[in-house]
C-alpha atoms as a PDB file:
ATOM      1  CA  MET A   1      44.476  59.704 196.970  1.00  0.00           C
ATOM      2  CA  LYS A   2      43.302  58.928 193.440  1.00  0.00           C
ATOM      3  CA  VAL A   3      45.031  56.369 191.227  1.00  0.00           C
ATOM      4  CA  HIS A   4      45.916  56.901 187.557  1.00  0.00           C
ATOM      5  CA  PRO A   5      42.601  57.142 185.647  1.00  0.00           C
ATOM      6  CA  ASP A   6      43.555  54.218 183.407  1.00  0.00           C
ATOM      7  CA  SER A   7      43.746  51.936 186.443  1.00  0.00           C
ATOM      8  CA  VAL A   8      41.433  48.962 187.058  1.00  0.00           C
ATOM      9  CA  LEU A   9      40.116  47.479 190.330  1.00  0.00           C
ATOM     10  CA  PHE A  10      38.587  43.994 189.948  1.00  0.00           C
ATOM     11  CA  ILE A  11      36.796  42.580 193.041  1.00  0.00           C
ATOM     12  CA  THR A  12      35.163  39.150 193.237  1.00  0.00           C
ATOM     13  CA  LEU A  13      32.893  38.310 196.170  1.00  0.00           C
ATOM     14  CA  ASP A  14      33.385  34.580 196.137  1.00  0.00           C
ATOM     15  CA  SER A  15      30.127  32.558 195.961  1.00  0.00           C
ATOM     16  CA  CYS A  16      27.910  35.575 196.683  1.00  0.00           C
ATOM     17  CA  ARG A  17      24.378  34.986 195.424  1.00  0.00           C
ATOM     18  CA  PHE A  18      22.592  37.792 193.589  1.00  0.00           C
ATOM     19  CA  ASP A  19      19.658  37.796 196.035  1.00  0.00           C
ATOM     20  CA  THR A  20      22.045  37.928 198.998  1.00  0.00           C
ATOM     21  CA  PHE A  21      23.842  40.928 197.607  1.00  0.00           C
ATOM     22  CA  LEU A  22      20.613  42.708 196.722  1.00  0.00           C
ATOM     23  CA  ASP A  23      19.339  42.241 200.315  1.00  0.00           C
ATOM     24  CA  SER A  24      22.613  43.335 201.902  1.00  0.00           C
ATOM     25  CA  ASN A  25      23.212  46.718 203.463  1.00  0.00           C
ATOM     26  CA  ALA A  26      26.363  47.402 201.457  1.00  0.00           C
ATOM     27  CA  PRO A  27      26.473  51.169 200.787  1.00  0.00           C
ATOM     28  CA  ASN A  28      30.164  51.358 199.856  1.00  0.00           C
ATOM     29  CA  ILE A  29      30.008  48.674 197.188  1.00  0.00           C
ATOM     30  CA  LYS A  30      26.568  49.741 195.932  1.00  0.00           C
ATOM     31  CA  SER A  31      27.771  53.318 195.499  1.00  0.00           C
ATOM     32  CA  VAL A  32      30.083  52.177 192.702  1.00  0.00           C
ATOM     33  CA  ALA A  33      27.302  51.559 190.158  1.00  0.00           C
ATOM     34  CA  PRO A  34      23.824  50.071 189.716  1.00  0.00           C
ATOM     35  CA  VAL A  35      23.588  46.373 190.551  1.00  0.00           C
ATOM     36  CA  HIS A  36      22.930  44.108 187.556  1.00  0.00           C
ATOM     37  CA  ARG A  37      21.608  40.528 187.585  1.00  0.00           C
ATOM     38  CA  ALA A  38      24.239  38.791 185.477  1.00  0.00           C
ATOM     39  CA  ILE A  39      25.189  35.306 184.339  1.00  0.00           C
ATOM     40  CA  ALA A  40      28.576  34.042 185.553  1.00  0.00           C
ATOM     41  CA  PRO A  41      30.903  32.279 183.097  1.00  0.00           C
ATOM     42  CA  SER A  42      31.150  29.195 185.354  1.00  0.00           C
ATOM     43  CA  HIS A  43      29.746  27.616 188.486  1.00  0.00           C
ATOM     44  CA  PHE A  44      32.962  27.315 190.530  1.00  0.00           C
ATOM     45  CA  THR A  45      35.889  29.536 191.410  1.00  0.00           C
ATOM     46  CA  TYR A  46      38.635  28.152 189.198  1.00  0.00           C
ATOM     47  CA  GLY A  47      36.491  27.897 186.085  1.00  0.00           C
ATOM     48  CA  SER A  48      34.967  31.334 186.509  1.00  0.00           C
ATOM     49  CA  HIS A  49      38.212  33.168 187.220  1.00  0.00           C
ATOM     50  CA  SER A  50      39.976  31.369 184.367  1.00  0.00           C
ATOM     51  CA  ALA A  51      37.254  32.667 182.063  1.00  0.00           C
ATOM     52  CA  MET A  52      37.221  36.190 183.559  1.00  0.00           C
ATOM     53  CA  PHE A  53      41.011  36.400 183.214  1.00  0.00           C
ATOM     54  CA  VAL A  54      40.605  35.986 179.451  1.00  0.00           C
ATOM     55  CA  GLY A  55      37.872  38.620 179.253  1.00  0.00           C
ATOM     56  CA  PHE A  56      34.631  36.750 179.948  1.00  0.00           C
ATOM     57  CA  THR A  57      33.302  38.674 182.903  1.00  0.00           C
ATOM     58  CA  PRO A  58      29.688  38.054 184.048  1.00  0.00           C
ATOM     59  CA  SER A  59      27.298  39.169 181.363  1.00  0.00           C
ATOM     60  CA  LEU A  60      23.700  40.158 180.626  1.00  0.00           C
ATOM     61  CA  PRO A  61      23.271  38.289 177.342  1.00  0.00           C
ATOM     62  CA  GLY A  62      21.035  39.975 174.804  1.00  0.00           C
ATOM     63  CA  CYS A  63      20.871  43.393 176.468  1.00  0.00           C
ATOM     64  CA  LYS A  64      23.036  44.991 173.714  1.00  0.00           C
ATOM     65  CA  LYS A  65      24.799  47.274 176.156  1.00  0.00           C
ATOM     66  CA  LYS A  66      28.498  47.927 176.142  1.00  0.00           C
ATOM     67  CA  PHE A  67      30.454  45.991 178.783  1.00  0.00           C
ATOM     68  CA  LEU A  68      27.304  44.376 180.175  1.00  0.00           C
ATOM     69  CA  ASP A  69      26.746  42.132 177.154  1.00  0.00           C
ATOM     70  CA  ASN A  70      29.927  40.281 176.227  1.00  0.00           C
ATOM     71  CA  LYS A  71      28.621  39.492 172.739  1.00  0.00           C
ATOM     72  CA  TYR A  72      28.138  43.200 172.126  1.00  0.00           C
ATOM     73  CA  ALA A  73      31.236  44.833 173.623  1.00  0.00           C
ATOM     74  CA  LYS A  74      33.584  43.454 176.287  1.00  0.00           C
ATOM     75  CA  LEU A  75      35.296  45.456 178.950  1.00  0.00           C
ATOM     76  CA  PHE A  76      38.471  43.346 178.502  1.00  0.00           C
ATOM     77  CA  LYS A  77      39.228  41.641 175.194  1.00  0.00           C
ATOM     78  CA  LEU A  78      42.284  39.629 174.189  1.00  0.00           C
ATOM     79  CA  GLN A  79      43.376  40.184 170.631  1.00  0.00           C
ATOM     80  CA  GLY A  80      42.556  37.417 168.174  1.00  0.00           C
ATOM     81  CA  GLY A  81      39.422  36.124 169.889  1.00  0.00           C
ATOM     82  CA  GLY A  82      35.997  36.706 168.377  1.00  0.00           C
ATOM     83  CA  LEU A  83      34.191  39.630 166.795  1.00  0.00           C
ATOM     84  CA  LEU A  84      32.199  42.244 168.696  1.00  0.00           C
ATOM     85  CA  ILE A  85      29.656  44.865 167.613  1.00  0.00           C
ATOM     86  CA  GLU A  86      31.596  47.657 169.362  1.00  0.00           C
ATOM     87  CA  LYS A  87      35.202  48.046 170.454  1.00  0.00           C
ATOM     88  CA  PRO A  88      36.249  46.882 173.922  1.00  0.00           C
ATOM     89  CA  GLU A  89      37.388  49.380 176.528  1.00  0.00           C
ATOM     90  CA  PHE A  90      40.687  47.529 177.097  1.00  0.00           C
ATOM     91  CA  ASP A  91      42.120  45.808 174.017  1.00  0.00           C
ATOM     92  CA  LEU A  92      44.838  43.515 175.325  1.00  0.00           C
ATOM     93  CA  SER A  93      47.318  40.958 174.023  1.00  0.00           C
ATOM     94  CA  GLY A  94      48.730  37.947 175.773  1.00  0.00           C
ATOM     95  CA  GLU A  95      47.699  34.704 177.390  1.00  0.00           C
ATOM     96  CA  ASN A  96      45.401  36.540 179.833  1.00  0.00           C
ATOM     97  CA  ILE A  97      44.417  40.036 180.859  1.00  0.00           C
ATOM     98  CA  ILE A  98      47.082  40.176 183.587  1.00  0.00           C
ATOM     99  CA  ILE A  99      49.827  39.736 180.991  1.00  0.00           C
ATOM    100  CA  GLY A 100      47.928  42.103 178.706  1.00  0.00           C
ATOM    101  CA  PHE A 101      47.959  44.891 181.304  1.00  0.00           C
ATOM    102  CA  ARG A 102      51.621  44.271 182.113  1.00  0.00           C
ATOM    103  CA  ARG A 103      52.455  44.705 178.438  1.00  0.00           C
ATOM    104  CA  LEU A 104      50.804  48.115 178.613  1.00  0.00           C
ATOM    105  CA  GLY A 105      52.996  49.109 181.539  1.00  0.00           C
ATOM    106  CA  TYR A 106      50.544  48.480 184.345  1.00  0.00           C
ATOM    107  CA  LEU A 107      51.638  47.316 187.772  1.00  0.00           C
ATOM    108  CA  THR A 108      49.629  44.148 188.510  1.00  0.00           C
ATOM    109  CA  ILE A 109      48.705  43.436 192.124  1.00  0.00           C
ATOM    110  CA  GLY A 110      46.495  40.527 193.170  1.00  0.00           C
ATOM    111  CA  SER A 111      45.226  38.647 196.207  1.00  0.00           C
ATOM    112  CA  GLY A 112      43.102  35.545 196.537  1.00  0.00           C
ATOM    113  CA  ALA A 113      41.372  34.082 199.565  1.00  0.00           C
ATOM    114  CA  VAL A 114      40.069  30.648 198.502  1.00  0.00           C
ATOM    115  CA  GLY A 115      42.154  27.557 197.859  1.00  0.00           C
ATOM    116  CA  TRP A 116      42.138  27.770 194.080  1.00  0.00           C
ATOM    117  CA  PHE A 117      44.501  30.750 194.456  1.00  0.00           C
ATOM    118  CA  ASN A 118      47.093  28.841 196.467  1.00  0.00           C
ATOM    119  CA  PRO A 119      50.325  29.279 194.466  1.00  0.00           C
ATOM    120  CA  ASP A 120      51.722  26.079 196.012  1.00  0.00           C
ATOM    121  CA  THR A 121      49.414  24.133 193.682  1.00  0.00           C
ATOM    122  CA  GLU A 122      49.646  23.955 189.906  1.00  0.00           C
ATOM    123  CA  THR A 123      46.075  25.186 189.452  1.00  0.00           C
ATOM    124  CA  GLY A 124      46.832  28.032 191.822  1.00  0.00           C
ATOM    125  CA  GLN A 125      49.900  28.951 189.788  1.00  0.00           C
ATOM    126  CA  HIS A 126      47.691  29.185 186.690  1.00  0.00           C
ATOM    127  CA  LEU A 127      45.626  31.940 188.358  1.00  0.00           C
ATOM    128  CA  THR A 128      48.430  33.746 190.214  1.00  0.00           C
ATOM    129  CA  SER A 129      51.843  33.459 188.591  1.00  0.00           C
ATOM    130  CA  ASP A 130      51.437  36.312 186.102  1.00  0.00           C
ATOM    131  CA  PHE A 131      50.853  38.981 188.752  1.00  0.00           C
ATOM    132  CA  GLU A 132      53.917  41.015 189.691  1.00  0.00           C
ATOM    133  CA  HIS A 133      52.744  40.993 193.318  1.00  0.00           C
ATOM    134  CA  PHE A 134      50.354  38.344 194.675  1.00  0.00           C
ATOM    135  CA  LEU A 135      49.181  37.353 198.164  1.00  0.00           C
ATOM    136  CA  TYR A 136      47.318  34.142 198.884  1.00  0.00           C
ATOM    137  CA  SER A 137      45.697  34.985 202.205  1.00  0.00           C
ATOM    138  CA  GLY A 138      43.263  32.238 203.063  1.00  0.00           C
ATOM    139  CA  LEU A 139      40.192  33.654 204.760  1.00  0.00           C
ATOM    140  CA  GLY A 140      40.717  37.209 205.941  1.00  0.00           C
ATOM    141  CA  VAL A 141      39.908  40.338 203.940  1.00  0.00           C
ATOM    142  CA  GLU A 142      41.572  42.460 206.670  1.00  0.00           C
ATOM    143  CA  LYS A 143      44.935  40.811 205.898  1.00  0.00           C
ATOM    144  CA  GLN A 144      44.392  41.300 202.169  1.00  0.00           C
ATOM    145  CA  LEU A 145      43.697  45.028 202.546  1.00  0.00           C
ATOM    146  CA  GLN A 146      46.639  45.553 204.902  1.00  0.00           C
ATOM    147  CA  TRP A 147      48.877  44.016 202.257  1.00  0.00           C
ATOM    148  CA  MET A 148      47.326  45.649 199.161  1.00  0.00           C
ATOM    149  CA  LEU A 149      46.606  49.224 200.237  1.00  0.00           C
ATOM    150  CA  PRO A 150      50.261  50.245 200.862  1.00  0.00           C
ATOM    151  CA  ARG A 151      51.208  49.000 197.385  1.00  0.00           C
ATOM    152  CA  ILE A 152      48.393  51.001 195.825  1.00  0.00           C
ATOM    153  CA  HIS A 153      49.407  54.167 197.683  1.00  0.00           C
ATOM    154  CA  GLU A 154      53.057  53.684 196.805  1.00  0.00           C
ATOM    155  CA  GLU A 155      52.571  53.223 193.056  1.00  0.00           C
ATOM    156  CA  GLY A 156      49.070  54.478 192.261  1.00  0.00           C
ATOM    157  CA  ASP A 157      50.017  57.987 191.129  1.00  0.00           C
ATOM    158  CA  ASN A 158      53.074  56.877 189.148  1.00  0.00           C
ATOM    159  CA  ARG A 159      51.555  54.464 186.643  1.00  0.00           C
ATOM    160  CA  PRO A 160      48.275  52.661 186.038  1.00  0.00           C
ATOM    161  CA  LEU A 161      47.421  49.699 188.232  1.00  0.00           C
ATOM    162  CA  PHE A 162      45.514  46.469 187.652  1.00  0.00           C
ATOM    163  CA  CYS A 163      44.420  45.368 191.106  1.00  0.00           C
ATOM    164  CA  PHE A 164      42.493  42.144 191.678  1.00  0.00           C
ATOM    165  CA  ILE A 165      41.100  40.796 194.933  1.00  0.00           C
ATOM    166  CA  ASN A 166      39.113  37.629 195.541  1.00  0.00           C
ATOM    167  CA  ILE A 167      37.236  37.908 198.845  1.00  0.00           C
ATOM    168  CA  GLY A 168      36.422  34.724 200.723  1.00  0.00           C
ATOM    169  CA  GLU A 169      34.095  35.734 203.556  1.00  0.00           C
ATOM    170  CA  THR A 170      31.023  35.120 201.331  1.00  0.00           C
ATOM    171  CA  HIS A 171      32.255  31.591 200.497  1.00  0.00           C
ATOM    172  CA  VAL A 172      31.191  28.651 202.689  1.00  0.00           C
ATOM    173  CA  PRO A 173      31.235  28.401 205.654  1.00  0.00           C
ATOM    174  CA  TYR A 174      30.092  32.085 205.565  1.00  0.00           C
ATOM    175  CA  TRP A 175      32.177  33.540 208.382  1.00  0.00           C
ATOM    176  CA  HIS A 176      33.922  36.841 209.067  1.00  0.00           C
ATOM    177  CA  SER A 177      36.246  38.131 211.744  1.00  0.00           C
ATOM    178  CA  GLY A 178      34.333  38.873 214.927  1.00  0.00           C
ATOM    179  CA  ALA A 179      31.223  36.902 213.871  1.00  0.00           C
ATOM    180  CA  ASN A 180      29.163  35.465 216.754  1.00  0.00           C
ATOM    181  CA  TRP A 181      29.169  31.976 215.255  1.00  0.00           C
ATOM    182  CA  SER A 182      31.946  29.430 214.777  1.00  0.00           C
ATOM    183  CA  ASN A 183      34.020  29.286 211.587  1.00  0.00           C
ATOM    184  CA  THR A 184      33.979  25.490 211.869  1.00  0.00           C
ATOM    185  CA  GLU A 185      30.201  25.281 211.471  1.00  0.00           C
ATOM    186  CA  ASN A 186      29.212  25.005 207.802  1.00  0.00           C
ATOM    187  CA  PRO A 187      25.446  25.196 207.112  1.00  0.00           C
ATOM    188  CA  CYS A 188      25.878  24.327 203.420  1.00  0.00           C
ATOM    189  CA  ILE A 189      27.497  20.906 202.767  1.00  0.00           C
ATOM    190  CA  PRO A 190      26.378  18.776 199.806  1.00  0.00           C
ATOM    191  CA  TYR A 191      24.405  15.676 200.901  1.00  0.00           C
ATOM    192  CA  SER A 192      24.411  16.748 204.550  1.00  0.00           C
ATOM    193  CA  HIS A 193      21.293  16.307 206.688  1.00  0.00           C
ATOM    194  CA  ASP A 194      22.081  19.439 208.701  1.00  0.00           C
ATOM    195  CA  ASN A 195      21.877  22.121 205.985  1.00  0.00           C
ATOM    196  CA  ARG A 196      19.799  25.227 206.753  1.00  0.00           C
ATOM    197  CA  ALA A 197      18.905  27.586 203.956  1.00  0.00           C
ATOM    198  CA  GLU A 198      17.818  30.420 206.263  1.00  0.00           C
ATOM    199  CA  ILE A 199      21.132  30.298 208.143  1.00  0.00           C
ATOM    200  CA  CYS A 200      23.056  30.282 204.860  1.00  0.00           C
ATOM    201  CA  GLN A 201      21.194  33.338 203.661  1.00  0.00           C
ATOM    202  CA  GLN A 202      21.621  35.212 206.926  1.00  0.00           C
ATOM    203  CA  ARG A 203      25.309  34.477 207.333  1.00  0.00           C
ATOM    204  CA  GLN A 204      26.286  35.175 203.718  1.00  0.00           C
ATOM    205  CA  ARG A 205      24.440  38.473 203.964  1.00  0.00           C
ATOM    206  CA  LEU A 206      26.223  39.393 207.186  1.00  0.00           C
ATOM    207  CA  CYS A 207      29.545  38.464 205.623  1.00  0.00           C
ATOM    208  CA  CYS A 208      28.789  40.679 202.628  1.00  0.00           C
ATOM    209  CA  GLU A 209      27.899  43.553 204.937  1.00  0.00           C
ATOM    210  CA  TYR A 210      31.072  43.039 206.943  1.00  0.00           C
ATOM    211  CA  VAL A 211      33.211  43.170 203.807  1.00  0.00           C
ATOM    212  CA  ASP A 212      31.440  46.340 202.737  1.00  0.00           C
ATOM    213  CA  SER A 213      32.104  47.953 206.087  1.00  0.00           C
ATOM    214  CA  ILE A 214      35.886  47.781 205.652  1.00  0.00           C
ATOM    215  CA  ILE A 215      36.384  48.011 201.886  1.00  0.00           C
ATOM    216  CA  LYS A 216      35.823  51.739 201.376  1.00  0.00           C
ATOM    217  CA  ASP A 217      39.565  52.512 201.469  1.00  0.00           C
ATOM    218  CA  LEU A 218      40.135  50.101 198.592  1.00  0.00           C
ATOM    219  CA  ILE A 219      37.332  51.377 196.395  1.00  0.00           C
ATOM    220  CA  GLU A 220      37.761  55.139 196.946  1.00  0.00           C
ATOM    221  CA  PRO A 221      41.074  55.642 195.088  1.00  0.00           C
ATOM    222  CA  PHE A 222      39.556  54.062 191.958  1.00  0.00           C
ATOM    223  CA  THR A 223      36.337  56.100 191.727  1.00  0.00           C
ATOM    224  CA  GLU A 224      37.630  58.040 188.707  1.00  0.00           C
ATOM    225  CA  ALA A 225      39.107  54.891 187.152  1.00  0.00           C
ATOM    226  CA  THR A 226      37.517  51.523 186.287  1.00  0.00           C
ATOM    227  CA  ILE A 227      35.921  49.200 188.870  1.00  0.00           C
ATOM    228  CA  VAL A 228      34.465  45.741 188.335  1.00  0.00           C
ATOM    229  CA  ILE A 229      32.693  44.143 191.284  1.00  0.00           C
ATOM    230  CA  CYS A 230      30.954  40.781 190.885  1.00  0.00           C
ATOM    231  CA  ALA A 231      30.580  37.314 192.258  1.00  0.00           C
ATOM    232  CA  ASP A 232      32.367  34.508 190.445  1.00  0.00           C
ATOM    233  CA  HIS A 233      29.378  32.237 191.032  1.00  0.00           C
ATOM    234  CA  GLY A 234      26.555  31.665 193.501  1.00  0.00           C
ATOM    235  CA  ASP A 235      25.465  28.827 195.740  1.00  0.00           C
ATOM    236  CA  CYS A 236      22.468  26.524 195.900  1.00  0.00           C
ATOM    237  CA  TRP A 237      20.598  26.419 199.180  1.00  0.00           C
ATOM    238  CA  GLY A 238      18.291  23.480 198.642  1.00  0.00           C
ATOM    239  CA  GLU A 239      16.935  24.391 195.211  1.00  0.00           C
ATOM    240  CA  ASP A 240      16.352  21.096 193.360  1.00  0.00           C
ATOM    241  CA  ASN A 241      17.895  19.370 196.399  1.00  0.00           C
ATOM    242  CA  LEU A 242      21.311  20.922 195.605  1.00  0.00           C
ATOM    243  CA  TRP A 243      23.676  22.614 198.040  1.00  0.00           C
ATOM    244  CA  GLU A 244      26.742  24.790 197.542  1.00  0.00           C
ATOM    245  CA  HIS A 245      28.336  25.173 194.077  1.00  0.00           C
ATOM    246  CA  GLY A 246      30.272  23.174 191.490  1.00  0.00           C
ATOM    247  CA  VAL A 247      27.031  22.284 189.737  1.00  0.00           C
ATOM    248  CA  SER A 248      25.471  24.124 186.783  1.00  0.00           C
ATOM    249  CA  HIS A 249      22.228  25.634 188.095  1.00  0.00           C
ATOM    250  CA  ALA A 250      20.442  28.967 187.896  1.00  0.00           C
ATOM    251  CA  MET A 251      21.434  29.799 191.481  1.00  0.00           C
ATOM    252  CA  THR A 252      25.140  29.044 190.927  1.00  0.00           C
ATOM    253  CA  LEU A 253      25.212  31.064 187.705  1.00  0.00           C
ATOM    254  CA  THR A 254      23.174  34.154 188.761  1.00  0.00           C
ATOM    255  CA  VAL A 255      25.450  36.795 190.240  1.00  0.00           C
ATOM    256  CA  PRO A 256      25.633  40.533 191.033  1.00  0.00           C
ATOM    257  CA  LEU A 257      27.633  42.721 188.672  1.00  0.00           C
ATOM    258  CA  LEU A 258      28.613  46.380 189.123  1.00  0.00           C
ATOM    259  CA  LEU A 259      30.678  48.295 186.585  1.00  0.00           C
ATOM    260  CA  ARG A 260      32.230  51.724 186.691  1.00  0.00           C
ATOM    261  CA  VAL A 261      34.262  52.544 183.585  1.00  0.00           C
ATOM    262  CA  ARG A 262      36.673  55.500 183.736  1.00  0.00           C
ATOM    263  CA  GLY A 263      34.598  57.035 186.500  1.00  0.00           C
ATOM    264  CA  LYS A 264      31.229  56.483 184.845  1.00  0.00           C
ATOM    265  CA  PRO A 265      28.730  54.026 186.407  1.00  0.00           C
ATOM    266  CA  ILE A 266      27.304  51.615 183.824  1.00  0.00           C
ATOM    267  CA  ASP A 267      23.531  51.326 184.143  1.00  0.00           C
END
């Protein structure tokens, strides 16, 4: 099945560091487009997604390439905000891009794994309430795909879709279904004496590879449409004596970015 060519798939690998992604055996995700070393709009989930949902996706500032450099040409742009050298691919109106796509007749489907997407909280409502269909899953990409894929197959050939998924396996404590370590053991806790950078790196990589192993069925219908895959931020693993995220640092702001626009990989 292929979705309507105007459709958009937006995937965020929560907290996934650029170096982790680069070292991961992730053929399904890496087949989408070349991997770019980008700068995230914020250093924690809520701030980054709030920015991305108004068009500020991770960027390569100064590269002067469409959709990679937000000062040159954005992929998503809300009307009334700023001047660009070239036109955006999706020129939208509204409080955020979800509303913007809905106004264009898109079906908007979203799912979030980490707590900032919990619609029972006011901050969670800010990120989720504008989707027509939204699932807050907690940790578990399998559950997210089981919920999302039938909706894509039911509506994907009738009208364009805007599908968003925030994946939590790459977020602390770096655990996936079937992993041979406990999901209660967190090797990356600020101010802890038990942090282990090598374990963090290994487990986040394995989580990234696990996600890649089951995500093909989500990516494949959108290969002739538009796909954005990125991390919302990274993590610190002892650099400058810092651990995890929520602090502005090169390692929390450096993220992988892959773009495929209307079937064309952006390199």
